[in-house]
Amino acid sequence: MLSLALALLVVSASPPLAQQQLLNDPEIYEKQHFEKRCDIVQYEGDFISRIDINNDGIIDAVVNEGAVVCDGDRGPDCSEEGCPYNFYLQVKEGGYFMIATAQMYGYDFIKRFGNMVFVLKMHPRYCERTDSEPCEMTVRVRGTKFLTISRK
């Protein structure tokens, strides 16, 4: 199977936790970034989703940069391949760290066989296609890694 690492664009497989500073809250961290970058910034309701992405019982976070309006430009880093989504895991001692960033159109977070999984909607090239139909990659987060279950 194609490793999701090919589809994750910037951070996939972050450095070990000991090398990465924990964030108190990814929402504050991300908003501070855009407040420095933009003169006028607005955040839409789907800017952050707080969900348990790795099925460990601890609520994690997914940030949708496409839900940012920076100086009148919605999703300033979005392209024909979608918008950046940043995935953060929360550790039981408190704090978050980023495990991945992906450029995609969006996702569904659904239950399959008792576990929550992502169905990532991505550019067709991530499924090695040249048509216009989005690639749907189903992945599960186990520990701190994305594992590809299927793609179509």
C-alpha atoms as a PDB file:
ATOM      1  CA  MET A   1       0.000   0.000   0.000  1.00  0.00           C
ATOM      2  CA  LEU A   2       1.038   3.541  -0.660  1.00  0.00           C
ATOM      3  CA  SER A   3       2.352   5.060   2.516  1.00  0.00           C
ATOM      4  CA  LEU A   4       0.459   8.103   3.661  1.00  0.00           C
ATOM      5  CA  ALA A   5       3.866   9.698   4.099  1.00  0.00           C
ATOM      6  CA  LEU A   6       3.768  10.352   0.337  1.00  0.00           C
ATOM      7  CA  ALA A   7       0.530  12.255   0.761  1.00  0.00           C
ATOM      8  CA  LEU A   8       1.459  14.196   3.875  1.00  0.00           C
ATOM      9  CA  LEU A   9       3.377  17.158   2.686  1.00  0.00           C
ATOM     10  CA  VAL A  10       5.314  18.873   5.413  1.00  0.00           C
ATOM     11  CA  VAL A  11       5.663  17.239   8.783  1.00  0.00           C
ATOM     12  CA  SER A  12       4.647  13.587   8.561  1.00  0.00           C
ATOM     13  CA  ALA A  13       6.331  11.406  11.150  1.00  0.00           C
ATOM     14  CA  SER A  14       7.325  14.266  13.417  1.00  0.00           C
ATOM     15  CA  PRO A  15      10.533  14.044  15.391  1.00  0.00           C
ATOM     16  CA  PRO A  16      10.324  12.152  18.652  1.00  0.00           C
ATOM     17  CA  LEU A  17       8.293  13.892  21.332  1.00  0.00           C
ATOM     18  CA  ALA A  18      11.433  14.690  23.350  1.00  0.00           C
ATOM     19  CA  GLN A  19      12.681  16.900  20.486  1.00  0.00           C
ATOM     20  CA  GLN A  20       9.426  18.802  19.958  1.00  0.00           C
ATOM     21  CA  GLN A  21       8.154  21.433  22.363  1.00  0.00           C
ATOM     22  CA  LEU A  22       4.655  20.684  23.637  1.00  0.00           C
ATOM     23  CA  LEU A  23       1.984  23.264  22.907  1.00  0.00           C
ATOM     24  CA  ASN A  24      -0.567  24.203  25.548  1.00  0.00           C
ATOM     25  CA  ASP A  25      -3.261  24.532  22.892  1.00  0.00           C
ATOM     26  CA  PRO A  26      -2.874  24.196  19.110  1.00  0.00           C
ATOM     27  CA  GLU A  27      -5.755  26.612  18.541  1.00  0.00           C
ATOM     28  CA  ILE A  28      -3.886  29.407  20.343  1.00  0.00           C
ATOM     29  CA  TYR A  29      -0.634  28.487  18.567  1.00  0.00           C
ATOM     30  CA  GLU A  30      -2.243  28.514  15.113  1.00  0.00           C
ATOM     31  CA  LYS A  31      -4.171  31.729  15.760  1.00  0.00           C
ATOM     32  CA  GLN A  32      -0.997  33.495  16.942  1.00  0.00           C
ATOM     33  CA  HIS A  33       0.654  32.481  13.652  1.00  0.00           C
ATOM     34  CA  PHE A  34      -2.118  34.025  11.561  1.00  0.00           C
ATOM     35  CA  GLU A  35      -2.403  37.117  13.765  1.00  0.00           C
ATOM     36  CA  LYS A  36       1.285  37.828  13.059  1.00  0.00           C
ATOM     37  CA  ARG A  37       0.843  37.139   9.342  1.00  0.00           C
ATOM     38  CA  CYS A  38      -2.419  38.996   8.681  1.00  0.00           C
ATOM     39  CA  ASP A  39      -3.584  42.527   9.421  1.00  0.00           C
ATOM     40  CA  ILE A  40      -7.215  41.363   9.648  1.00  0.00           C
ATOM     41  CA  VAL A  41      -7.917  37.716  10.386  1.00  0.00           C
ATOM     42  CA  GLN A  42     -11.171  35.808  10.847  1.00  0.00           C
ATOM     43  CA  TYR A  43     -11.720  32.168  11.792  1.00  0.00           C
ATOM     44  CA  GLU A  44     -14.672  30.172  10.542  1.00  0.00           C
ATOM     45  CA  GLY A  45     -16.441  27.588  12.697  1.00  0.00           C
ATOM     46  CA  ASP A  46     -14.574  24.624  11.229  1.00  0.00           C
ATOM     47  CA  PHE A  47     -11.114  26.105  11.934  1.00  0.00           C
ATOM     48  CA  ILE A  48     -10.466  23.514  14.656  1.00  0.00           C
ATOM     49  CA  SER A  49     -11.989  20.115  15.370  1.00  0.00           C
ATOM     50  CA  ARG A  50     -11.353  18.522  18.736  1.00  0.00           C
ATOM     51  CA  ILE A  51     -11.630  14.767  18.284  1.00  0.00           C
ATOM     52  CA  ASP A  52      -9.792  11.649  19.438  1.00  0.00           C
ATOM     53  CA  ILE A  53      -7.852  10.939  16.253  1.00  0.00           C
ATOM     54  CA  ASN A  54      -5.797   7.987  17.507  1.00  0.00           C
ATOM     55  CA  ASN A  55      -8.458   6.145  19.538  1.00  0.00           C
ATOM     56  CA  ASP A  56      -6.611   6.515  22.870  1.00  0.00           C
ATOM     57  CA  GLY A  57      -9.443   8.231  24.752  1.00  0.00           C
ATOM     58  CA  ILE A  58      -7.686  11.632  24.787  1.00  0.00           C
ATOM     59  CA  ILE A  59      -9.120  14.493  22.726  1.00  0.00           C
ATOM     60  CA  ASP A  60      -6.749  15.674  20.003  1.00  0.00           C
ATOM     61  CA  ALA A  61      -7.073  18.485  17.449  1.00  0.00           C
ATOM     62  CA  VAL A  62      -7.221  19.005  13.689  1.00  0.00           C
ATOM     63  CA  VAL A  63      -6.732  22.532  12.333  1.00  0.00           C
ATOM     64  CA  ASN A  64      -8.195  23.467   8.936  1.00  0.00           C
ATOM     65  CA  GLU A  65      -6.232  26.403   7.520  1.00  0.00           C
ATOM     66  CA  GLY A  66      -8.866  26.732   4.794  1.00  0.00           C
ATOM     67  CA  ALA A  67     -11.171  28.151   7.475  1.00  0.00           C
ATOM     68  CA  VAL A  68      -8.965  31.218   7.921  1.00  0.00           C
ATOM     69  CA  VAL A  69      -9.719  34.511   6.201  1.00  0.00           C
ATOM     70  CA  CYS A  70      -6.481  36.533   6.082  1.00  0.00           C
ATOM     71  CA  ASP A  71      -6.863  40.122   4.868  1.00  0.00           C
ATOM     72  CA  GLY A  72      -9.943  39.085   2.888  1.00  0.00           C
ATOM     73  CA  ASP A  73      -8.272  35.995   1.358  1.00  0.00           C
ATOM     74  CA  ARG A  74      -9.935  32.742   2.469  1.00  0.00           C
ATOM     75  CA  GLY A  75      -7.386  29.972   2.998  1.00  0.00           C
ATOM     76  CA  PRO A  76      -4.258  31.903   2.007  1.00  0.00           C
ATOM     77  CA  ASP A  77      -2.196  28.701   1.650  1.00  0.00           C
ATOM     78  CA  CYS A  78      -4.851  26.727  -0.221  1.00  0.00           C
ATOM     79  CA  SER A  79      -4.190  25.615  -3.793  1.00  0.00           C
ATOM     80  CA  GLU A  80      -5.747  23.406  -6.455  1.00  0.00           C
ATOM     81  CA  GLU A  81      -4.642  20.508  -4.219  1.00  0.00           C
ATOM     82  CA  GLY A  82      -6.689  21.700  -1.264  1.00  0.00           C
ATOM     83  CA  CYS A  83      -5.844  23.402   1.999  1.00  0.00           C
ATOM     84  CA  PRO A  84      -3.361  22.614   4.775  1.00  0.00           C
ATOM     85  CA  TYR A  85      -4.706  20.550   7.676  1.00  0.00           C
ATOM     86  CA  ASN A  86      -2.541  20.181  10.785  1.00  0.00           C
ATOM     87  CA  PHE A  87      -2.965  17.148  13.041  1.00  0.00           C
ATOM     88  CA  TYR A  88      -2.100  17.441  16.736  1.00  0.00           C
ATOM     89  CA  LEU A  89      -2.028  14.722  19.388  1.00  0.00           C
ATOM     90  CA  GLN A  90      -2.570  15.500  23.053  1.00  0.00           C
ATOM     91  CA  VAL A  91      -0.421  13.651  25.567  1.00  0.00           C
ATOM     92  CA  LYS A  92      -1.880  12.382  28.827  1.00  0.00           C
ATOM     93  CA  GLU A  93       0.426  14.634  30.858  1.00  0.00           C
ATOM     94  CA  GLY A  94      -1.033  17.643  29.039  1.00  0.00           C
ATOM     95  CA  GLY A  95       0.052  19.525  25.957  1.00  0.00           C
ATOM     96  CA  TYR A  96      -0.071  18.782  22.243  1.00  0.00           C
ATOM     97  CA  PHE A  97       2.408  18.066  19.473  1.00  0.00           C
ATOM     98  CA  MET A  98       1.950  18.108  15.710  1.00  0.00           C
ATOM     99  CA  ILE A  99       2.176  14.720  14.012  1.00  0.00           C
ATOM    100  CA  ALA A 100       1.358  15.693  10.426  1.00  0.00           C
ATOM    101  CA  THR A 101       0.329  18.326   7.933  1.00  0.00           C
ATOM    102  CA  ALA A 102      -1.561  17.398   4.785  1.00  0.00           C
ATOM    103  CA  GLN A 103      -2.748  19.421   1.797  1.00  0.00           C
ATOM    104  CA  MET A 104      -6.266  18.144   1.084  1.00  0.00           C
ATOM    105  CA  TYR A 105      -9.832  19.054   0.205  1.00  0.00           C
ATOM    106  CA  GLY A 106     -11.305  17.812   3.482  1.00  0.00           C
ATOM    107  CA  TYR A 107     -12.042  14.659   5.442  1.00  0.00           C
ATOM    108  CA  ASP A 108     -14.704  12.550   7.069  1.00  0.00           C
ATOM    109  CA  PHE A 109     -14.020  11.020  10.480  1.00  0.00           C
ATOM    110  CA  ILE A 110     -16.045   7.813  10.700  1.00  0.00           C
ATOM    111  CA  LYS A 111     -16.218   4.566  12.652  1.00  0.00           C
ATOM    112  CA  ARG A 112     -15.061   1.411  10.846  1.00  0.00           C
ATOM    113  CA  PHE A 113     -14.845  -1.948  12.566  1.00  0.00           C
ATOM    114  CA  GLY A 114     -14.977  -0.279  15.981  1.00  0.00           C
ATOM    115  CA  ASN A 115     -12.233   2.274  15.343  1.00  0.00           C
ATOM    116  CA  MET A 116     -12.415   5.859  14.197  1.00  0.00           C
ATOM    117  CA  VAL A 117     -10.700   6.445  10.851  1.00  0.00           C
ATOM    118  CA  PHE A 118     -10.175   9.369   8.493  1.00  0.00           C
ATOM    119  CA  VAL A 119     -11.353   9.327   4.910  1.00  0.00           C
ATOM    120  CA  LEU A 120      -9.086  12.006   3.468  1.00  0.00           C
ATOM    121  CA  LYS A 121     -10.274  13.700   0.277  1.00  0.00           C
ATOM    122  CA  MET A 122      -7.164  14.580  -1.660  1.00  0.00           C
ATOM    123  CA  HIS A 123      -5.893  15.492  -5.112  1.00  0.00           C
ATOM    124  CA  PRO A 124      -6.171  12.494  -7.517  1.00  0.00           C
ATOM    125  CA  ARG A 125      -2.380  12.272  -7.854  1.00  0.00           C
ATOM    126  CA  TYR A 126      -2.209  10.774  -4.340  1.00  0.00           C
ATOM    127  CA  CYS A 127      -4.032   7.775  -5.778  1.00  0.00           C
ATOM    128  CA  GLU A 128      -1.731   7.803  -8.799  1.00  0.00           C
ATOM    129  CA  ARG A 129      -4.537   9.061 -11.050  1.00  0.00           C
ATOM    130  CA  THR A 130      -4.819  11.878 -13.563  1.00  0.00           C
ATOM    131  CA  ASP A 131      -8.619  12.236 -13.638  1.00  0.00           C
ATOM    132  CA  SER A 132     -10.479  14.935 -11.710  1.00  0.00           C
ATOM    133  CA  GLU A 133     -12.230  12.717  -9.119  1.00  0.00           C
ATOM    134  CA  PRO A 134     -10.723  13.265  -5.641  1.00  0.00           C
ATOM    135  CA  CYS A 135      -8.607  10.506  -4.143  1.00  0.00           C
ATOM    136  CA  GLU A 136     -10.246   9.043  -1.038  1.00  0.00           C
ATOM    137  CA  MET A 137      -7.612   7.668   1.282  1.00  0.00           C
ATOM    138  CA  THR A 138      -8.810   5.867   4.397  1.00  0.00           C
ATOM    139  CA  VAL A 139      -6.277   6.065   7.217  1.00  0.00           C
ATOM    140  CA  ARG A 140      -6.107   5.195  10.865  1.00  0.00           C
ATOM    141  CA  VAL A 141      -3.889   6.938  13.367  1.00  0.00           C
ATOM    142  CA  ARG A 142      -2.171   4.387  15.571  1.00  0.00           C
ATOM    143  CA  GLY A 143       0.047   5.889  18.224  1.00  0.00           C
ATOM    144  CA  THR A 144       1.661   8.778  16.363  1.00  0.00           C
ATOM    145  CA  LYS A 145       1.572   7.315  12.837  1.00  0.00           C
ATOM    146  CA  PHE A 146      -0.894   7.419   9.996  1.00  0.00           C
ATOM    147  CA  LEU A 147      -1.549   3.949   8.557  1.00  0.00           C
ATOM    148  CA  THR A 148      -3.167   3.689   5.137  1.00  0.00           C
ATOM    149  CA  ILE A 149      -6.066   1.229   5.087  1.00  0.00           C
ATOM    150  CA  SER A 150      -7.277   1.837   1.544  1.00  0.00           C
ATOM    151  CA  ARG A 151      -7.368   4.347  -1.259  1.00  0.00           C
ATOM    152  CA  LYS A 152      -9.578   4.846  -4.267  1.00  0.00           C
END
